[in-house]
Amino acid sequence: MAMARATLPFLVLVSVALLIATYNTITIVSNHRATTSSHYFDTIISTSFRSGSLVRRPAITENKKKRLFHVAVTATSEPYNRWQCRIMYYWYKKLKDQAGSEMGGFTRVLHTGKPDQLMDEIPTFVVDPLPPGTDKGYIVLNRPWAFVQWLQKTDVEEDYIFMAEPDHLIMKPIPNLATQENPAAFPFFYITPKEYEAVIRKFYPDDKGPVTNIDPIGNAPVIIQKSHLKKIAPTWHNVSLRMKEDAEADKAFGWVLEMYGYAIASALHGVQHILRKDFMIQPPWDTETGDKFIIHYTYGCDYTLQGVLTYGKIGEWRFDKRAYTNGAPPKNLPLPPRGVPESVVTLVKMVNEATSNIPNWTEGE
């Protein structure tokens, strides 16, 4: 009986000791897992840049210094370019300072050689166009030359540059998707260097390595360290000019020749990109916005009133930027009929919001 009374306090003491030991063990394991997980995602960033899948990035903490990038858009002063730039700039301004954004300054690089009427509305730097006849009617050939001049003549504050296009709509705050070593870019299904190896070898010799070193990208959207772009831009310019002069290359690459020019120039400098499928969507082929950052409205969106896609045939309902080549679209475009994908609905709503809020928006200008 006395032994039983002595055993009870002893058991209580043992139980308390076990609880303390268990708590300490769990804490150690949890901390170890957190450290290992953080190291694991850091490793993915540095080693998985060639993957076509989403690349995980560690969350930006409040104590981590932002890695700002400068947004740069090349443009002409034609009405078609002007209204797209105004809409693009509206969404940049709206999202620039929101949580998660690492967007810094903005420059419209105007390659006309003279100012236009948007100088007071959008931060603009004027550069010279190519000499007359050089682009052979392919105006996009001015893009690399515009970047060469801009980078030579300005002192961009940010360490990174985001090369964008007028028909990019920013849907949500964009973090810096690049690393110090590797830029971030969107992979285009129609940029296929291996398919054109015989042509590409004229500009990317055998001693540079396999053509698979050339990323399936264009120059936009790309987030890249400024020092990398300063090296790549002159090569991009020269390679693009040479390709345009080469009849075989010009025929093979057509309207995407300048995109191949950037991809080849990057590979010549040993720069490879993190391929980010989540960088942007392209309606009507991409039907959901999901967690993507940009809408690229390069394709026409044509539908019946029942919401059926009629691509290649003008639809009963449509949104196509080319319908507004001579001037800006009106405010309050009609929304798509029921059944049209969410990506297209979002596109039209974003255009309507911008045109309703941009001062002095006038149809046809």
Protein backbone atom coordinates (compact mmCIF):
# COMPACT_ATOMS: atom_id res chain seq x y z
CA MET A 1 0.00 0.00 0.00
CA ALA A 2 2.85 2.38 0.93
CA MET A 3 4.67 1.38 -2.29
CA ALA A 4 1.61 2.30 -4.39
CA ARG A 5 1.47 5.75 -2.77
CA ALA A 6 5.17 6.32 -3.58
CA THR A 7 4.78 5.17 -7.21
CA LEU A 8 2.09 7.75 -8.17
CA PRO A 9 4.26 10.89 -7.75
CA PHE A 10 7.10 9.12 -9.57
CA LEU A 11 4.87 8.36 -12.58
CA VAL A 12 3.68 11.97 -12.72
CA LEU A 13 7.28 13.17 -12.73
CA VAL A 14 8.22 10.78 -15.56
CA SER A 15 5.21 11.87 -17.65
CA VAL A 16 6.16 15.56 -17.37
CA ALA A 17 9.74 14.78 -18.40
CA LEU A 18 8.54 12.86 -21.46
CA LEU A 19 6.27 15.73 -22.52
CA ILE A 20 9.16 18.20 -22.38
CA ALA A 21 11.42 15.89 -24.38
CA THR A 22 8.73 15.31 -27.02
CA TYR A 23 8.11 19.06 -27.44
CA ASN A 24 11.83 19.77 -27.92
CA THR A 25 12.12 16.97 -30.50
CA ILE A 26 9.15 18.25 -32.52
CA THR A 27 10.53 21.80 -32.46
CA ILE A 28 13.93 20.67 -33.74
CA VAL A 29 12.39 18.60 -36.55
CA SER A 30 10.05 21.42 -37.59
CA ASN A 31 12.88 23.93 -37.74
CA HIS A 32 15.00 21.50 -39.75
CA ARG A 33 12.18 20.94 -42.25
CA ALA A 34 11.65 24.67 -42.69
CA THR A 35 15.35 25.23 -43.32
CA THR A 36 15.55 22.30 -45.73
CA SER A 37 12.43 23.46 -47.60
CA SER A 38 13.83 26.98 -48.03
CA HIS A 39 17.15 25.59 -49.29
CA TYR A 40 15.27 23.26 -51.64
CA PHE A 41 13.38 26.09 -53.35
CA ASP A 42 16.56 28.19 -53.62
CA THR A 43 18.15 25.22 -55.42
CA ILE A 44 15.22 24.92 -57.83
CA ILE A 45 15.64 28.56 -58.86
CA SER A 46 19.30 28.12 -59.69
CA THR A 47 19.07 24.76 -61.46
CA SER A 48 15.65 24.51 -63.14
CA PHE A 49 15.79 27.51 -65.47
CA ARG A 50 15.52 25.36 -68.59
CA SER A 51 12.31 23.71 -67.46
CA GLY A 52 9.09 24.61 -69.22
CA SER A 53 7.15 24.25 -65.98
CA LEU A 54 6.51 26.88 -63.37
CA VAL A 55 9.64 27.75 -61.43
CA ARG A 56 9.06 28.16 -57.70
CA ARG A 57 10.46 31.25 -56.06
CA PRO A 58 10.83 31.95 -52.34
CA ALA A 59 8.36 34.50 -51.05
CA ILE A 60 9.67 38.04 -50.74
CA THR A 61 9.71 39.01 -47.09
CA GLU A 62 9.27 42.54 -45.82
CA ASN A 63 12.90 42.60 -44.72
CA LYS A 64 14.22 41.56 -48.14
CA LYS A 65 15.34 44.41 -50.36
CA LYS A 66 13.31 44.62 -53.55
CA ARG A 67 15.11 43.88 -56.82
CA LEU A 68 13.43 46.54 -58.92
CA PHE A 69 13.27 46.34 -62.70
CA HIS A 70 12.69 49.13 -65.20
CA VAL A 71 9.82 48.61 -67.66
CA ALA A 72 10.80 49.50 -71.24
CA VAL A 73 8.48 49.49 -74.26
CA THR A 74 9.62 50.32 -77.80
CA ALA A 75 7.08 52.15 -79.91
CA THR A 76 6.32 54.34 -82.90
CA SER A 77 4.13 57.43 -82.92
CA GLU A 78 1.48 55.84 -85.15
CA PRO A 79 -2.09 55.84 -83.74
CA TYR A 80 -2.08 52.01 -83.57
CA ASN A 81 0.94 52.07 -81.24
CA ARG A 82 -0.17 55.12 -79.29
CA TRP A 83 -3.46 53.78 -77.97
CA GLN A 84 -1.90 50.45 -76.98
CA CYS A 85 0.89 52.24 -75.08
CA ARG A 86 -1.64 54.38 -73.21
CA ILE A 87 -3.59 51.33 -72.05
CA MET A 88 -0.43 49.45 -71.14
CA TYR A 89 0.86 52.41 -69.11
CA TYR A 90 -2.48 52.76 -67.28
CA TRP A 91 -2.21 49.21 -65.91
CA TYR A 92 1.46 49.63 -65.06
CA LYS A 93 0.63 52.70 -62.95
CA LYS A 94 -2.29 51.01 -61.23
CA LEU A 95 -0.27 47.94 -60.17
CA LYS A 96 3.26 49.33 -59.77
CA ASP A 97 3.08 50.00 -56.03
CA GLN A 98 0.86 47.10 -54.99
CA ALA A 99 2.09 44.29 -52.75
CA GLY A 100 4.37 41.85 -54.56
CA SER A 101 5.39 44.28 -57.28
CA GLU A 102 9.05 44.88 -58.09
CA MET A 103 8.27 47.21 -60.98
CA GLY A 104 10.39 50.32 -60.95
CA GLY A 105 10.40 53.11 -63.51
CA PHE A 106 8.85 53.10 -66.98
CA THR A 107 10.15 54.30 -70.36
CA ARG A 108 8.52 54.32 -73.75
CA VAL A 109 11.47 54.13 -76.16
CA LEU A 110 10.16 56.05 -79.16
CA HIS A 111 12.11 55.19 -82.31
CA THR A 112 10.84 57.97 -84.57
CA GLY A 113 13.62 60.51 -84.05
CA LYS A 114 11.20 63.19 -82.86
CA PRO A 115 8.73 63.75 -79.98
CA ASP A 116 5.01 63.06 -80.26
CA GLN A 117 1.83 64.03 -78.41
CA LEU A 118 2.27 61.48 -75.59
CA MET A 119 5.49 62.97 -74.21
CA ASP A 120 3.68 64.56 -71.25
CA GLU A 121 1.51 61.51 -70.54
CA ILE A 122 4.05 58.66 -70.68
CA PRO A 123 7.76 58.86 -69.71
CA THR A 124 9.43 58.74 -73.13
CA PHE A 125 12.96 58.67 -74.53
CA VAL A 126 13.33 59.50 -78.22
CA VAL A 127 15.85 57.58 -80.32
CA ASP A 128 16.59 57.52 -84.04
CA PRO A 129 14.99 55.04 -86.43
CA LEU A 130 17.11 52.91 -88.72
CA PRO A 131 18.32 54.67 -91.88
CA PRO A 132 15.62 54.76 -94.58
CA GLY A 133 15.19 51.45 -96.36
CA THR A 134 17.17 49.43 -93.82
CA ASP A 135 14.18 47.68 -92.29
CA LYS A 136 12.79 46.73 -95.75
CA GLY A 137 9.26 47.35 -94.46
CA TYR A 138 9.84 45.20 -91.34
CA ILE A 139 9.45 47.96 -88.76
CA VAL A 140 10.13 45.65 -85.81
CA LEU A 141 13.77 45.66 -86.92
CA ASN A 142 13.96 49.06 -85.20
CA ARG A 143 13.44 47.43 -81.79
CA PRO A 144 16.98 46.17 -81.13
CA TRP A 145 18.47 49.40 -82.52
CA ALA A 146 16.19 51.38 -80.18
CA PHE A 147 17.44 49.42 -77.15
CA VAL A 148 21.07 49.88 -78.20
CA GLN A 149 20.65 53.67 -78.31
CA TRP A 150 18.59 53.90 -75.12
CA LEU A 151 21.08 51.87 -73.10
CA GLN A 152 24.02 53.89 -74.44
CA LYS A 153 22.46 57.30 -73.86
CA THR A 154 20.66 56.87 -70.52
CA ASP A 155 21.58 55.84 -67.01
CA VAL A 156 18.82 53.45 -65.94
CA GLU A 157 18.61 53.42 -62.15
CA GLU A 158 17.36 49.85 -61.76
CA ASP A 159 19.68 46.84 -62.11
CA TYR A 160 17.12 44.89 -64.17
CA ILE A 161 15.06 45.71 -67.24
CA PHE A 162 11.68 44.32 -68.26
CA MET A 163 11.31 44.41 -72.05
CA ALA A 164 7.60 44.59 -72.80
CA GLU A 165 5.38 45.43 -75.78
CA PRO A 166 2.52 47.91 -76.24
CA ASP A 167 -0.06 45.09 -76.46
CA HIS A 168 0.84 43.71 -73.02
CA LEU A 169 -1.75 44.17 -70.27
CA ILE A 170 -0.38 43.70 -66.75
CA MET A 171 -2.97 41.75 -64.78
CA LYS A 172 -1.28 41.66 -61.38
CA PRO A 173 1.87 42.97 -59.67
CA ILE A 174 4.97 41.45 -61.27
CA PRO A 175 7.88 40.37 -59.08
CA ASN A 176 11.41 40.09 -60.45
CA LEU A 177 11.31 36.64 -62.06
CA ALA A 178 14.96 36.77 -63.12
CA THR A 179 18.07 35.83 -61.18
CA GLN A 180 21.42 37.58 -61.31
CA GLU A 181 22.72 34.94 -63.70
CA ASN A 182 19.64 34.10 -65.74
CA PRO A 183 16.95 36.33 -67.29
CA ALA A 184 13.32 35.22 -67.28
CA ALA A 185 11.36 34.86 -70.54
CA PHE A 186 8.17 33.40 -71.96
CA PRO A 187 8.65 30.32 -74.19
CA PHE A 188 6.91 30.65 -77.58
CA PHE A 189 5.78 27.42 -79.23
CA TYR A 190 6.58 28.81 -82.69
CA ILE A 191 10.24 29.62 -81.96
CA THR A 192 11.90 26.33 -82.91
CA PRO A 193 15.66 26.71 -83.50
CA LYS A 194 16.22 22.99 -84.05
CA GLU A 195 13.80 22.99 -86.99
CA TYR A 196 15.89 25.67 -88.75
CA GLU A 197 19.35 24.48 -87.77
CA ALA A 198 20.81 24.78 -91.26
CA VAL A 199 19.79 28.45 -91.48
CA ILE A 200 20.70 29.28 -87.89
CA ARG A 201 24.23 27.92 -88.30
CA LYS A 202 24.97 30.93 -90.51
CA PHE A 203 24.65 33.09 -87.40
CA TYR A 204 25.40 30.59 -84.63
CA PRO A 205 28.50 28.59 -85.66
CA ASP A 206 29.16 24.97 -84.68
CA ASP A 207 31.88 25.93 -82.22
CA LYS A 208 29.30 27.74 -80.11
CA GLY A 209 27.58 24.47 -79.29
CA PRO A 210 24.26 22.79 -80.17
CA VAL A 211 21.36 24.91 -81.41
CA THR A 212 19.42 23.67 -78.38
CA ASN A 213 21.43 26.32 -76.49
CA ILE A 214 19.15 28.84 -78.20
CA ASP A 215 16.07 29.45 -76.09
CA PRO A 216 12.58 29.36 -77.72
CA ILE A 217 11.93 33.02 -76.90
CA GLY A 218 11.72 36.54 -78.20
CA ASN A 219 12.85 39.71 -76.48
CA ALA A 220 9.48 40.30 -74.83
CA PRO A 221 8.39 39.55 -72.26
CA VAL A 222 11.88 39.31 -70.75
CA ILE A 223 13.24 40.46 -67.39
CA ILE A 224 17.01 40.69 -67.63
CA GLN A 225 19.92 42.13 -65.71
CA LYS A 226 20.93 45.46 -67.22
CA SER A 227 24.57 44.42 -67.64
CA HIS A 228 23.49 41.37 -69.67
CA LEU A 229 21.26 43.42 -71.96
CA LYS A 230 24.01 45.97 -72.60
CA LYS A 231 26.14 43.14 -73.98
CA ILE A 232 23.36 41.37 -75.88
CA ALA A 233 21.63 44.37 -77.48
CA PRO A 234 24.34 45.31 -80.04
CA THR A 235 24.69 41.64 -81.06
CA TRP A 236 20.91 41.33 -81.30
CA HIS A 237 20.87 44.40 -83.55
CA ASN A 238 23.66 43.16 -85.82
CA VAL A 239 22.39 39.57 -86.06
CA SER A 240 18.87 40.78 -86.91
CA LEU A 241 20.21 43.03 -89.69
CA ARG A 242 22.29 40.19 -91.11
CA MET A 243 19.31 37.83 -91.01
CA LYS A 244 17.11 40.35 -92.81
CA GLU A 245 19.75 40.69 -95.53
CA ASP A 246 19.94 36.90 -95.90
CA ALA A 247 17.16 35.77 -98.25
CA GLU A 248 17.00 32.26 -96.78
CA ALA A 249 16.75 33.49 -93.18
CA ASP A 250 14.27 36.21 -94.10
CA LYS A 251 12.00 33.66 -95.77
CA ALA A 252 12.34 31.11 -92.96
CA PHE A 253 11.64 33.47 -90.05
CA GLY A 254 9.33 36.08 -91.54
CA TRP A 255 7.60 38.28 -88.95
CA VAL A 256 9.40 36.57 -86.04
CA LEU A 257 12.91 37.20 -87.46
CA GLU A 258 13.77 39.77 -84.78
CA MET A 259 12.67 37.29 -82.07
CA TYR A 260 15.12 34.73 -83.44
CA GLY A 261 17.69 37.51 -83.54
CA TYR A 262 17.37 38.08 -79.79
CA ALA A 263 17.39 34.35 -78.98
CA ILE A 264 20.53 33.77 -81.07
CA ALA A 265 22.29 36.85 -79.68
CA SER A 266 21.63 35.69 -76.11
CA ALA A 267 23.05 32.24 -76.87
CA LEU A 268 26.14 33.79 -78.50
CA HIS A 269 26.81 35.51 -75.17
CA GLY A 270 26.18 32.30 -73.22
CA VAL A 271 23.03 33.69 -71.60
CA GLN A 272 20.18 31.25 -71.05
CA HIS A 273 16.75 32.15 -69.75
CA ILE A 274 14.42 30.85 -67.09
CA LEU A 275 11.42 29.75 -69.16
CA ARG A 276 8.25 31.01 -67.48
CA LYS A 277 5.00 29.71 -68.92
CA ASP A 278 3.22 31.70 -66.24
CA PHE A 279 4.61 34.99 -67.59
CA MET A 280 1.65 35.61 -69.89
CA ILE A 281 -1.37 34.27 -71.73
CA GLN A 282 -2.45 34.80 -75.33
CA PRO A 283 -6.23 34.76 -75.88
CA PRO A 284 -8.18 33.19 -77.44
CA TRP A 285 -5.91 30.12 -77.25
CA ASP A 286 -5.30 30.51 -73.53
CA THR A 287 -8.76 30.46 -72.03
CA GLU A 288 -8.04 31.17 -68.34
CA THR A 289 -6.06 33.96 -66.72
CA GLY A 290 -5.15 31.75 -63.75
CA ASP A 291 -2.02 32.94 -61.94
CA LYS A 292 -0.47 34.56 -65.03
CA PHE A 293 0.96 38.08 -65.03
CA ILE A 294 0.26 39.47 -68.52
CA ILE A 295 -2.33 39.29 -71.28
CA HIS A 296 -0.77 39.52 -74.75
CA TYR A 297 -3.57 40.41 -77.14
CA THR A 298 -1.76 39.73 -80.39
CA TYR A 299 -4.43 37.39 -81.81
CA GLY A 300 -7.91 38.33 -82.94
CA CYS A 301 -10.82 37.02 -80.85
CA ASP A 302 -13.83 36.13 -83.02
CA TYR A 303 -16.96 34.37 -81.74
CA THR A 304 -20.55 33.65 -82.66
CA LEU A 305 -23.27 35.06 -80.42
CA GLN A 306 -23.41 31.58 -78.89
CA GLY A 307 -19.80 31.91 -77.74
CA VAL A 308 -18.25 29.62 -80.38
CA LEU A 309 -14.75 30.56 -81.63
CA THR A 310 -14.60 31.32 -85.36
CA TYR A 311 -10.87 31.95 -85.69
CA GLY A 312 -9.91 32.88 -89.24
CA LYS A 313 -13.42 34.16 -89.88
CA ILE A 314 -14.81 37.46 -88.64
CA GLY A 315 -17.18 36.70 -85.78
CA GLU A 316 -20.54 38.17 -84.84
CA TRP A 317 -18.70 39.41 -81.78
CA ARG A 318 -15.02 40.27 -82.03
CA PHE A 319 -12.08 42.04 -80.49
CA ASP A 320 -9.04 42.41 -82.70
CA LYS A 321 -6.48 45.18 -82.15
CA ARG A 322 -5.98 45.36 -85.94
CA ALA A 323 -9.52 46.67 -86.30
CA TYR A 324 -8.15 49.87 -84.70
CA THR A 325 -5.03 50.31 -86.84
CA ASN A 326 -5.96 53.89 -87.74
CA GLY A 327 -7.02 55.05 -84.29
CA ALA A 328 -8.13 54.21 -80.78
CA PRO A 329 -11.12 51.98 -80.03
CA PRO A 330 -14.21 53.58 -78.48
CA LYS A 331 -14.93 53.49 -74.78
CA ASN A 332 -17.16 50.74 -73.37
CA LEU A 333 -16.64 48.02 -75.95
CA PRO A 334 -19.43 45.41 -75.80
CA LEU A 335 -18.55 42.47 -73.58
CA PRO A 336 -18.34 39.01 -75.16
CA PRO A 337 -21.45 36.83 -75.29
CA ARG A 338 -22.04 34.08 -72.74
CA GLY A 339 -19.75 31.10 -73.20
CA VAL A 340 -16.67 33.06 -74.34
CA PRO A 341 -13.58 32.14 -72.28
CA GLU A 342 -12.75 34.08 -69.14
CA SER A 343 -9.43 35.27 -70.61
CA VAL A 344 -11.21 37.13 -73.41
CA VAL A 345 -13.77 38.63 -71.02
CA THR A 346 -10.94 39.85 -68.77
CA LEU A 347 -9.12 41.36 -71.76
CA VAL A 348 -12.13 43.44 -72.84
CA LYS A 349 -12.93 44.51 -69.28
CA MET A 350 -9.34 45.69 -68.79
CA VAL A 351 -9.42 47.67 -72.05
CA ASN A 352 -12.74 49.24 -71.04
CA GLU A 353 -11.50 50.20 -67.58
CA ALA A 354 -8.42 51.84 -69.04
CA THR A 355 -10.25 53.81 -71.74
CA SER A 356 -12.82 54.99 -69.19
CA ASN A 357 -10.13 56.38 -66.89
CA ILE A 358 -7.43 57.67 -69.25
CA PRO A 359 -7.92 61.45 -69.66
CA ASN A 360 -8.92 62.73 -73.08
CA TRP A 361 -9.49 59.29 -74.57
CA THR A 362 -11.01 59.86 -78.00
CA GLU A 363 -12.16 57.20 -80.43
CA GLY A 364 -10.13 57.19 -83.63
CA GLU A 365 -7.17 59.16 -82.30
